[in-house]
Structures are given as structure tokens and as C-alpha cells.
Amino acid sequence: MSETKGFSQVLKPYLVEKLNQSFPDPSQFKKEEEFAYAAKVTSVYKKVIVELLQWIEMQVEQAKHLEKKERGELPEDAFRIGGDV
């Protein structure tokens, strides 16, 4: 998934752009409560984006590790994929 054009050229840049946006402008709100709510939503949104991007990267690294293990490129161990037990 992470190597598709849809992710690398559309979704990831969109998420990174949203992550890098600053907090809402207080002058755009009439009430303090409206600004506080917008700031909280923005903060949560950014946290979710970071967690999602980190999770995707972790899955990519895990897949690379398992591929190396399957090809026997890692030190031998009793749990090698495709090996004799």
C-alpha cells in the first residue's frame, strides 16, 4: 500500500500537509469556546495523523524484515521462515 502512487502522491502529502498546518486563528472565532473546540479538534487530528504515519512506516519495516528473514539474509535462528524446525 505504501508504495502505490495513490498513497505516495496523494494521501501521504495530504496527511503531511494537514500535520504541518498551524492551529486555528483565534480572530476567526466569535466565542472562546468555538476557538477552544477548533484547537482541540486540530490537536487530535494531528495526533492521529502522526500515529497513522508511524504505524504505516512500522508495517513497512516489519515487511522488509520478514522478507529478509524469508530469503535467509538474517542470522540463522530456530524460527526462520520456510526453514526446518
Protein backbone atom coordinates (compact mmCIF):
# COMPACT_ATOMS: atom_id res chain seq x y z
CA MET A 1 0.00 0.00 0.00
CA SER A 2 2.71 2.49 0.95
CA GLU A 3 4.40 2.04 -2.43
CA THR A 4 1.32 2.83 -4.51
CA LYS A 5 1.06 6.15 -6.34
CA GLY A 6 -2.23 6.83 -4.61
CA PHE A 7 -0.56 6.75 -1.22
CA SER A 8 2.80 8.31 -2.06
CA GLN A 9 1.48 11.05 -4.36
CA VAL A 10 -1.95 11.80 -2.89
CA LEU A 11 -2.70 10.53 0.62
CA LYS A 12 0.70 10.93 2.29
CA PRO A 13 1.27 14.51 1.01
CA TYR A 14 -2.27 15.40 2.12
CA LEU A 15 -1.66 13.99 5.61
CA VAL A 16 1.72 15.70 5.94
CA GLU A 17 0.19 19.00 4.80
CA LYS A 18 -2.56 18.69 7.42
CA LEU A 19 0.02 17.77 10.04
CA ASN A 20 2.09 20.88 9.29
CA GLN A 21 -0.81 23.33 9.33
CA SER A 22 -0.78 25.69 12.25
CA PHE A 23 -3.54 25.94 14.80
CA PRO A 24 -6.71 27.89 14.03
CA ASP A 25 -6.56 31.69 14.03
CA PRO A 26 -8.31 32.98 17.15
CA SER A 27 -9.52 36.08 15.28
CA GLN A 28 -11.77 33.87 13.14
CA PHE A 29 -13.97 32.93 16.11
CA LYS A 30 -16.58 34.96 17.93
CA LYS A 31 -16.55 32.90 21.13
CA GLU A 32 -13.68 31.49 23.14
CA GLU A 33 -15.46 28.11 23.28
CA GLU A 34 -15.54 27.89 19.47
CA PHE A 35 -11.81 28.55 19.26
CA ALA A 36 -11.04 26.07 22.05
CA TYR A 37 -13.10 23.40 20.28
CA ALA A 38 -11.37 24.07 16.93
CA ALA A 39 -7.94 23.94 18.61
CA LYS A 40 -8.77 20.63 20.32
CA VAL A 41 -10.03 19.10 17.07
CA THR A 42 -6.88 20.24 15.27
CA SER A 43 -4.69 18.80 18.01
CA VAL A 44 -6.43 15.43 17.93
CA TYR A 45 -6.32 15.39 14.12
CA LYS A 46 -2.56 15.97 14.18
CA LYS A 47 -2.04 13.24 16.77
CA VAL A 48 -3.99 10.73 14.69
CA ILE A 49 -2.02 11.64 11.56
CA VAL A 50 1.30 11.11 13.36
CA GLU A 51 0.16 7.77 14.74
CA LEU A 52 -1.11 6.64 11.34
CA LEU A 53 2.09 7.60 9.52
CA GLN A 54 4.21 5.91 12.20
CA TRP A 55 2.09 2.76 12.02
CA ILE A 56 2.45 2.61 8.23
CA GLU A 57 6.23 3.04 8.47
CA MET A 58 6.41 0.34 11.15
CA GLN A 59 4.47 -2.07 8.91
CA VAL A 60 6.83 -1.35 6.00
CA GLU A 61 9.88 -2.04 8.18
CA GLN A 62 8.32 -5.24 9.52
CA ALA A 63 7.57 -6.45 5.98
CA LYS A 64 11.17 -5.71 4.89
CA HIS A 65 12.48 -7.62 7.90
CA LEU A 66 10.26 -10.63 7.18
CA GLU A 67 11.32 -10.65 3.52
CA LYS A 68 14.99 -10.68 4.55
CA LYS A 69 14.26 -13.44 7.03
CA GLU A 70 12.47 -15.48 4.37
CA ARG A 71 15.42 -15.10 1.97
CA GLY A 72 17.80 -16.19 4.71
CA GLU A 73 19.63 -12.86 4.81
CA LEU A 74 19.42 -12.64 8.59
CA PRO A 75 21.43 -14.71 11.08
CA GLU A 76 20.15 -18.27 11.40
CA ASP A 77 17.68 -18.95 14.13
CA ALA A 78 15.28 -21.74 15.01
CA PHE A 79 12.29 -19.75 13.77
CA ARG A 80 13.43 -18.94 10.23
CA ILE A 81 10.52 -18.72 7.83
CA GLY A 82 10.48 -21.70 5.49
CA GLY A 83 13.20 -23.46 7.43
CA ASP A 84 13.21 -26.84 9.11
CA VAL A 85 12.02 -26.84 12.69
